[in-house]
Amino acid sequence: MEIDPDPLQRQIENAKKGKQVAFNYLLDRFWNDLYGFQLKRTQNEYDAEDITIQTFSRAFDKIDTFDSKYNFKTWLFTISKNIHVDLIRRKKASIRSRTTDEEDERVHRIADDAPSIEDSLITEQNLAQLLRDVKNLTPHY
């Protein structure tokens, strides 16, 4: 009976060949570690699960790029961390864009209390007319 020195490496090679059993093995082996890692980062079960699923999806799509000189678990965690960072950036960009639009809209809705040039001219003419009318009154009034 031959003992396999590194079953993980063999499964990674099988996954690179497209064998479904190898993908199942990798998913089962690293799911809990990766999910726990994301649960600590996100503090949200749904986000942690979503990021974990995205991580495995991206890793399995790019399994051919994995270099066996590196640790597979570290590679997965790096992918997972990057997905989480991208998610945070998208949320911040979304919040920023909504806030900016609302603030801009509020700025445009501010009423200008300063009289326009026409209003100043009309007021001046009315005051001049009022002064003439007052001067025409008899001293008694």
N, C-alpha and C. Protein backbone atom coordinates (compact mmCIF):
# COMPACT_ATOMS: atom_id res chain seq x y z
N MET A 1 0.84 -1.18 0.00
CA MET A 1 0.00 0.00 0.00
C MET A 1 0.89 1.24 0.00
N GLU A 2 0.61 2.14 -0.92
CA GLU A 2 1.40 3.37 -1.05
C GLU A 2 0.74 4.48 -0.23
N ILE A 3 1.55 5.19 0.55
CA ILE A 3 1.04 6.30 1.36
C ILE A 3 1.26 7.59 0.58
N ASP A 4 0.21 8.36 0.46
CA ASP A 4 0.28 9.64 -0.29
C ASP A 4 0.84 10.70 0.65
N PRO A 5 2.00 11.27 0.35
CA PRO A 5 2.62 12.24 1.27
C PRO A 5 1.84 13.55 1.37
N ASP A 6 1.19 13.95 0.32
CA ASP A 6 0.48 15.23 0.36
C ASP A 6 -0.85 15.11 -0.39
N PRO A 7 -1.90 14.67 0.31
CA PRO A 7 -3.19 14.51 -0.37
C PRO A 7 -3.77 15.84 -0.86
N LEU A 8 -3.46 16.91 -0.17
CA LEU A 8 -3.96 18.22 -0.58
C LEU A 8 -3.39 18.60 -1.94
N GLN A 9 -2.11 18.42 -2.10
CA GLN A 9 -1.47 18.77 -3.37
C GLN A 9 -2.03 17.93 -4.52
N ARG A 10 -2.30 16.65 -4.22
CA ARG A 10 -2.88 15.78 -5.24
C ARG A 10 -4.27 16.26 -5.62
N GLN A 11 -5.05 16.68 -4.64
CA GLN A 11 -6.41 17.17 -4.91
C GLN A 11 -6.37 18.48 -5.71
N ILE A 12 -5.41 19.33 -5.41
CA ILE A 12 -5.28 20.58 -6.16
C ILE A 12 -4.95 20.28 -7.62
N GLU A 13 -4.05 19.33 -7.83
CA GLU A 13 -3.71 18.93 -9.20
C GLU A 13 -4.92 18.35 -9.91
N ASN A 14 -5.70 17.54 -9.20
CA ASN A 14 -6.92 16.97 -9.79
C ASN A 14 -7.93 18.08 -10.11
N ALA A 15 -8.01 19.06 -9.26
CA ALA A 15 -8.92 20.19 -9.52
C ALA A 15 -8.47 20.95 -10.75
N LYS A 16 -7.17 21.10 -10.91
CA LYS A 16 -6.66 21.77 -12.11
C LYS A 16 -7.03 21.01 -13.38
N LYS A 17 -7.20 19.70 -13.23
CA LYS A 17 -7.62 18.87 -14.36
C LYS A 17 -9.13 18.88 -14.55
N GLY A 18 -9.85 19.53 -13.62
CA GLY A 18 -11.30 19.66 -13.75
C GLY A 18 -12.11 18.57 -13.08
N LYS A 19 -11.52 17.79 -12.19
CA LYS A 19 -12.25 16.71 -11.52
C LYS A 19 -13.11 17.26 -10.39
N GLN A 20 -14.39 16.99 -10.47
CA GLN A 20 -15.37 17.52 -9.52
C GLN A 20 -15.11 17.04 -8.09
N VAL A 21 -14.67 15.82 -7.93
CA VAL A 21 -14.40 15.27 -6.60
C VAL A 21 -13.33 16.10 -5.89
N ALA A 22 -12.35 16.57 -6.63
CA ALA A 22 -11.28 17.39 -6.05
C ALA A 22 -11.84 18.74 -5.58
N PHE A 23 -12.73 19.33 -6.36
CA PHE A 23 -13.35 20.59 -5.94
C PHE A 23 -14.15 20.40 -4.65
N ASN A 24 -14.90 19.30 -4.59
CA ASN A 24 -15.67 19.00 -3.38
C ASN A 24 -14.76 18.84 -2.17
N TYR A 25 -13.65 18.15 -2.37
CA TYR A 25 -12.68 17.96 -1.29
C TYR A 25 -12.16 19.31 -0.79
N LEU A 26 -11.76 20.17 -1.71
CA LEU A 26 -11.21 21.48 -1.33
C LEU A 26 -12.27 22.33 -0.62
N LEU A 27 -13.48 22.29 -1.12
CA LEU A 27 -14.57 23.04 -0.50
C LEU A 27 -14.82 22.55 0.92
N ASP A 28 -14.93 21.23 1.08
CA ASP A 28 -15.18 20.66 2.42
C ASP A 28 -14.02 20.93 3.38
N ARG A 29 -12.82 20.88 2.87
CA ARG A 29 -11.65 21.04 3.72
C ARG A 29 -11.49 22.48 4.23
N PHE A 30 -11.80 23.47 3.40
CA PHE A 30 -11.50 24.85 3.77
C PHE A 30 -12.73 25.71 4.06
N TRP A 31 -13.93 25.18 3.89
CA TRP A 31 -15.14 25.98 4.09
C TRP A 31 -15.20 26.59 5.48
N ASN A 32 -15.07 25.77 6.52
CA ASN A 32 -15.24 26.27 7.89
C ASN A 32 -14.19 27.32 8.25
N ASP A 33 -12.95 27.10 7.85
CA ASP A 33 -11.89 28.06 8.15
C ASP A 33 -12.17 29.41 7.47
N LEU A 34 -12.54 29.34 6.21
CA LEU A 34 -12.78 30.55 5.45
C LEU A 34 -14.03 31.28 5.94
N TYR A 35 -15.08 30.53 6.22
CA TYR A 35 -16.32 31.13 6.72
C TYR A 35 -16.07 31.79 8.08
N GLY A 36 -15.34 31.12 8.96
CA GLY A 36 -15.03 31.68 10.28
C GLY A 36 -14.20 32.95 10.16
N PHE A 37 -13.26 32.95 9.23
CA PHE A 37 -12.43 34.13 8.98
C PHE A 37 -13.31 35.32 8.56
N GLN A 38 -14.22 35.08 7.64
CA GLN A 38 -15.08 36.17 7.17
C GLN A 38 -16.13 36.57 8.21
N LEU A 39 -16.58 35.63 9.01
CA LEU A 39 -17.54 35.96 10.06
C LEU A 39 -16.93 36.92 11.07
N LYS A 40 -15.67 36.72 11.39
CA LYS A 40 -14.97 37.64 12.30
C LYS A 40 -14.80 39.01 11.66
N ARG A 41 -14.53 39.04 10.36
CA ARG A 41 -14.31 40.32 9.67
C ARG A 41 -15.61 41.09 9.46
N THR A 42 -16.68 40.40 9.07
CA THR A 42 -17.91 41.09 8.69
C THR A 42 -18.90 41.23 9.83
N GLN A 43 -18.82 40.35 10.82
CA GLN A 43 -19.78 40.34 11.92
C GLN A 43 -21.21 40.13 11.40
N ASN A 44 -21.32 39.46 10.27
CA ASN A 44 -22.62 39.25 9.65
C ASN A 44 -22.60 37.89 8.94
N GLU A 45 -23.51 37.00 9.34
CA GLU A 45 -23.52 35.64 8.80
C GLU A 45 -23.77 35.62 7.29
N TYR A 46 -24.69 36.47 6.84
CA TYR A 46 -25.04 36.47 5.42
C TYR A 46 -23.89 36.97 4.56
N ASP A 47 -23.26 38.05 5.00
CA ASP A 47 -22.10 38.57 4.26
C ASP A 47 -20.96 37.57 4.27
N ALA A 48 -20.72 36.94 5.42
CA ALA A 48 -19.64 35.96 5.52
C ALA A 48 -19.88 34.79 4.58
N GLU A 49 -21.11 34.32 4.53
CA GLU A 49 -21.42 33.20 3.64
C GLU A 49 -21.30 33.62 2.18
N ASP A 50 -21.80 34.79 1.87
CA ASP A 50 -21.74 35.28 0.49
C ASP A 50 -20.29 35.44 0.03
N ILE A 51 -19.46 36.02 0.87
CA ILE A 51 -18.05 36.21 0.52
C ILE A 51 -17.34 34.86 0.40
N THR A 52 -17.68 33.92 1.27
CA THR A 52 -17.06 32.59 1.21
C THR A 52 -17.42 31.90 -0.10
N ILE A 53 -18.67 31.99 -0.49
CA ILE A 53 -19.11 31.39 -1.76
C ILE A 53 -18.38 32.05 -2.93
N GLN A 54 -18.31 33.39 -2.91
CA GLN A 54 -17.61 34.10 -3.98
C GLN A 54 -16.13 33.72 -4.03
N THR A 55 -15.55 33.51 -2.86
CA THR A 55 -14.13 33.13 -2.79
C THR A 55 -13.89 31.79 -3.48
N PHE A 56 -14.70 30.81 -3.13
CA PHE A 56 -14.52 29.50 -3.76
C PHE A 56 -14.81 29.56 -5.25
N SER A 57 -15.79 30.33 -5.63
CA SER A 57 -16.12 30.47 -7.04
C SER A 57 -14.93 31.05 -7.81
N ARG A 58 -14.38 32.14 -7.28
CA ARG A 58 -13.25 32.78 -7.95
C ARG A 58 -12.01 31.89 -7.93
N ALA A 59 -11.78 31.23 -6.79
CA ALA A 59 -10.61 30.35 -6.68
C ALA A 59 -10.72 29.18 -7.66
N PHE A 60 -11.89 28.59 -7.76
CA PHE A 60 -12.05 27.45 -8.66
C PHE A 60 -11.98 27.88 -10.12
N ASP A 61 -12.44 29.09 -10.42
CA ASP A 61 -12.31 29.60 -11.79
C ASP A 61 -10.85 29.83 -12.15
N LYS A 62 -10.06 30.23 -11.17
CA LYS A 62 -8.65 30.59 -11.41
C LYS A 62 -7.68 29.55 -10.84
N ILE A 63 -8.15 28.33 -10.62
CA ILE A 63 -7.31 27.29 -10.01
C ILE A 63 -6.04 27.04 -10.83
N ASP A 64 -6.11 27.27 -12.13
CA ASP A 64 -4.93 27.06 -12.98
C ASP A 64 -3.80 28.04 -12.65
N THR A 65 -4.14 29.20 -12.07
CA THR A 65 -3.12 30.19 -11.75
C THR A 65 -2.45 29.94 -10.41
N PHE A 66 -2.97 28.98 -9.63
CA PHE A 66 -2.38 28.71 -8.32
C PHE A 66 -0.99 28.10 -8.49
N ASP A 67 -0.03 28.68 -7.77
CA ASP A 67 1.34 28.19 -7.80
C ASP A 67 1.55 27.30 -6.57
N SER A 68 1.91 26.05 -6.81
CA SER A 68 2.03 25.08 -5.72
C SER A 68 3.19 25.38 -4.77
N LYS A 69 4.02 26.37 -5.09
CA LYS A 69 5.08 26.77 -4.16
C LYS A 69 4.48 27.46 -2.93
N TYR A 70 3.25 27.93 -3.05
CA TYR A 70 2.61 28.67 -1.97
C TYR A 70 1.56 27.80 -1.28
N ASN A 71 1.12 28.23 -0.13
CA ASN A 71 0.12 27.52 0.64
C ASN A 71 -1.27 27.80 0.05
N PHE A 72 -2.02 26.75 -0.21
CA PHE A 72 -3.34 26.90 -0.83
C PHE A 72 -4.30 27.67 0.09
N LYS A 73 -4.23 27.40 1.37
CA LYS A 73 -5.11 28.07 2.34
C LYS A 73 -4.83 29.58 2.35
N THR A 74 -3.58 29.96 2.30
CA THR A 74 -3.20 31.37 2.27
C THR A 74 -3.73 32.02 0.99
N TRP A 75 -3.65 31.31 -0.11
CA TRP A 75 -4.16 31.81 -1.40
C TRP A 75 -5.66 32.06 -1.30
N LEU A 76 -6.40 31.11 -0.72
CA LEU A 76 -7.85 31.27 -0.54
C LEU A 76 -8.17 32.48 0.35
N PHE A 77 -7.45 32.59 1.45
CA PHE A 77 -7.71 33.68 2.39
C PHE A 77 -7.40 35.04 1.75
N THR A 78 -6.40 35.09 0.90
CA THR A 78 -6.08 36.34 0.21
C THR A 78 -7.20 36.72 -0.75
N ILE A 79 -7.71 35.76 -1.48
CA ILE A 79 -8.84 36.01 -2.38
C ILE A 79 -10.03 36.50 -1.56
N SER A 80 -10.29 35.83 -0.46
CA SER A 80 -11.43 36.18 0.40
C SER A 80 -11.29 37.60 0.96
N LYS A 81 -10.09 37.92 1.41
CA LYS A 81 -9.85 39.27 1.95
C LYS A 81 -10.07 40.33 0.88
N ASN A 82 -9.60 40.07 -0.33
CA ASN A 82 -9.77 41.03 -1.43
C ASN A 82 -11.24 41.20 -1.80
N ILE A 83 -11.99 40.14 -1.79
CA ILE A 83 -13.43 40.24 -2.07
C ILE A 83 -14.11 41.08 -1.00
N HIS A 84 -13.72 40.87 0.24
CA HIS A 84 -14.31 41.66 1.33
C HIS A 84 -13.97 43.14 1.19
N VAL A 85 -12.73 43.44 0.86
CA VAL A 85 -12.31 44.83 0.67
C VAL A 85 -13.09 45.47 -0.48
N ASP A 86 -13.26 44.73 -1.57
CA ASP A 86 -14.04 45.24 -2.70
C ASP A 86 -15.48 45.53 -2.29
N LEU A 87 -16.05 44.65 -1.48
CA LEU A 87 -17.43 44.85 -1.00
C LEU A 87 -17.54 46.12 -0.16
N ILE A 88 -16.57 46.34 0.71
CA ILE A 88 -16.57 47.55 1.55
C ILE A 88 -16.43 48.79 0.67
N ARG A 89 -15.55 48.74 -0.31
CA ARG A 89 -15.36 49.89 -1.21
C ARG A 89 -16.64 50.20 -1.97
N ARG A 90 -17.32 49.17 -2.45
CA ARG A 90 -18.57 49.39 -3.18
C ARG A 90 -19.62 50.02 -2.28
N LYS A 91 -19.70 49.55 -1.03
CA LYS A 91 -20.68 50.12 -0.10
C LYS A 91 -20.35 51.57 0.20
N LYS A 92 -19.08 51.87 0.43
CA LYS A 92 -18.68 53.25 0.71
C LYS A 92 -18.94 54.15 -0.49
N ALA A 93 -18.64 53.67 -1.68
CA ALA A 93 -18.87 54.46 -2.89
C ALA A 93 -20.36 54.69 -3.07
N SER A 94 -21.15 53.70 -2.77
CA SER A 94 -22.60 53.83 -2.89
C SER A 94 -23.13 54.87 -1.89
N ILE A 95 -22.65 54.80 -0.67
CA ILE A 95 -23.08 55.75 0.36
C ILE A 95 -22.61 57.15 -0.02
N ARG A 96 -21.38 57.25 -0.48
CA ARG A 96 -20.83 58.55 -0.84
C ARG A 96 -21.61 59.17 -2.00
N SER A 97 -21.95 58.37 -2.99
CA SER A 97 -22.66 58.92 -4.14
C SER A 97 -24.07 59.37 -3.75
N ARG A 98 -24.74 58.60 -2.88
CA ARG A 98 -26.07 59.01 -2.44
C ARG A 98 -26.00 60.26 -1.58
N THR A 99 -25.03 60.33 -0.69
CA THR A 99 -24.89 61.49 0.19
C THR A 99 -24.56 62.73 -0.62
N THR A 100 -23.65 62.62 -1.54
CA THR A 100 -23.26 63.77 -2.34
C THR A 100 -24.44 64.30 -3.15
N ASP A 101 -25.20 63.41 -3.75
CA ASP A 101 -26.35 63.84 -4.53
C ASP A 101 -27.38 64.55 -3.65
N GLU A 102 -27.64 64.00 -2.47
CA GLU A 102 -28.61 64.62 -1.57
C GLU A 102 -28.12 65.98 -1.09
N GLU A 103 -26.84 66.08 -0.76
CA GLU A 103 -26.30 67.35 -0.30
C GLU A 103 -26.33 68.39 -1.42
N ASP A 104 -25.99 67.97 -2.62
CA ASP A 104 -26.04 68.89 -3.76
C ASP A 104 -27.47 69.37 -3.99
N GLU A 105 -28.41 68.46 -3.85
CA GLU A 105 -29.82 68.82 -4.05
C GLU A 105 -30.26 69.83 -2.99
N ARG A 106 -29.83 69.63 -1.75
CA ARG A 106 -30.18 70.58 -0.69
C ARG A 106 -29.59 71.95 -0.97
N VAL A 107 -28.39 71.99 -1.48
CA VAL A 107 -27.75 73.27 -1.80
C VAL A 107 -28.56 74.00 -2.86
N HIS A 108 -29.06 73.29 -3.83
CA HIS A 108 -29.82 73.92 -4.90
C HIS A 108 -31.20 74.38 -4.44
N ARG A 109 -31.70 73.80 -3.35
CA ARG A 109 -33.02 74.17 -2.86
C ARG A 109 -32.99 75.35 -1.89
N ILE A 110 -31.83 75.84 -1.49
CA ILE A 110 -31.72 76.94 -0.54
C ILE A 110 -32.22 78.22 -1.20
N ALA A 111 -33.14 78.87 -0.51
CA ALA A 111 -33.71 80.11 -1.05
C ALA A 111 -32.71 81.25 -0.84
N ASP A 112 -32.60 82.08 -1.84
CA ASP A 112 -31.71 83.23 -1.77
C ASP A 112 -32.51 84.42 -1.27
N ASP A 113 -32.15 84.92 -0.07
CA ASP A 113 -32.88 86.03 0.54
C ASP A 113 -32.42 87.39 0.01
N ALA A 114 -31.29 87.45 -0.61
CA ALA A 114 -30.77 88.71 -1.11
C ALA A 114 -31.64 89.20 -2.27
N PRO A 115 -32.00 90.48 -2.25
CA PRO A 115 -32.83 91.00 -3.35
C PRO A 115 -32.01 91.06 -4.63
N SER A 116 -32.71 90.83 -5.72
CA SER A 116 -32.05 90.91 -7.02
C SER A 116 -31.87 92.39 -7.38
N ILE A 117 -31.16 92.65 -8.46
CA ILE A 117 -30.94 94.03 -8.90
C ILE A 117 -32.27 94.70 -9.23
N GLU A 118 -33.17 93.95 -9.88
CA GLU A 118 -34.48 94.51 -10.22
C GLU A 118 -35.27 94.85 -8.96
N ASP A 119 -35.21 93.95 -7.95
CA ASP A 119 -35.93 94.21 -6.71
C ASP A 119 -35.39 95.46 -6.02
N SER A 120 -34.09 95.62 -6.01
CA SER A 120 -33.48 96.81 -5.40
C SER A 120 -33.93 98.08 -6.11
N LEU A 121 -33.96 98.05 -7.43
CA LEU A 121 -34.37 99.20 -8.22
C LEU A 121 -35.84 99.56 -7.96
N ILE A 122 -36.68 98.54 -7.92
CA ILE A 122 -38.12 98.77 -7.66
C ILE A 122 -38.32 99.34 -6.26
N THR A 123 -37.61 98.79 -5.28
CA THR A 123 -37.72 99.29 -3.91
C THR A 123 -37.27 100.74 -3.84
N GLU A 124 -36.17 101.06 -4.50
CA GLU A 124 -35.65 102.43 -4.52
C GLU A 124 -36.66 103.39 -5.15
N GLN A 125 -37.28 102.97 -6.26
CA GLN A 125 -38.28 103.81 -6.92
C GLN A 125 -39.50 104.00 -6.04
N ASN A 126 -39.93 102.94 -5.37
CA ASN A 126 -41.08 103.05 -4.47
C ASN A 126 -40.78 103.97 -3.30
N LEU A 127 -39.57 103.86 -2.76
CA LEU A 127 -39.20 104.74 -1.65
C LEU A 127 -39.14 106.20 -2.12
N ALA A 128 -38.64 106.43 -3.31
CA ALA A 128 -38.57 107.79 -3.85
C ALA A 128 -39.99 108.35 -4.04
N GLN A 129 -40.89 107.52 -4.56
CA GLN A 129 -42.29 107.95 -4.74
C GLN A 129 -42.93 108.23 -3.39
N LEU A 130 -42.67 107.38 -2.41
CA LEU A 130 -43.23 107.58 -1.08
C LEU A 130 -42.71 108.87 -0.46
N LEU A 131 -41.43 109.16 -0.60
CA LEU A 131 -40.84 110.40 -0.09
C LEU A 131 -41.47 111.62 -0.75
N ARG A 132 -41.71 111.58 -2.07
CA ARG A 132 -42.37 112.70 -2.77
C ARG A 132 -43.79 112.89 -2.25
N ASP A 133 -44.49 111.77 -2.03
CA ASP A 133 -45.86 111.86 -1.54
C ASP A 133 -45.89 112.43 -0.12
N VAL A 134 -44.93 112.06 0.71
CA VAL A 134 -44.88 112.57 2.08
C VAL A 134 -44.59 114.08 2.05
N LYS A 135 -43.71 114.52 1.17
CA LYS A 135 -43.40 115.95 1.08
C LYS A 135 -44.59 116.76 0.59
N ASN A 136 -45.47 116.14 -0.15
CA ASN A 136 -46.66 116.85 -0.63
C ASN A 136 -47.75 116.98 0.43
N LEU A 137 -47.61 116.26 1.49
CA LEU A 137 -48.61 116.33 2.57
C LEU A 137 -48.48 117.67 3.30
N THR A 138 -49.55 118.11 3.84
CA THR A 138 -49.50 119.35 4.64
C THR A 138 -48.77 119.05 5.94
N PRO A 139 -48.13 120.04 6.55
CA PRO A 139 -47.37 119.82 7.76
C PRO A 139 -48.19 119.18 8.88
N HIS A 140 -49.50 119.43 8.91
CA HIS A 140 -50.35 118.85 9.95
C HIS A 140 -50.32 117.32 9.90
N TYR A 141 -50.30 116.73 8.71
CA TYR A 141 -50.33 115.26 8.55
C TYR A 141 -48.93 114.71 8.57
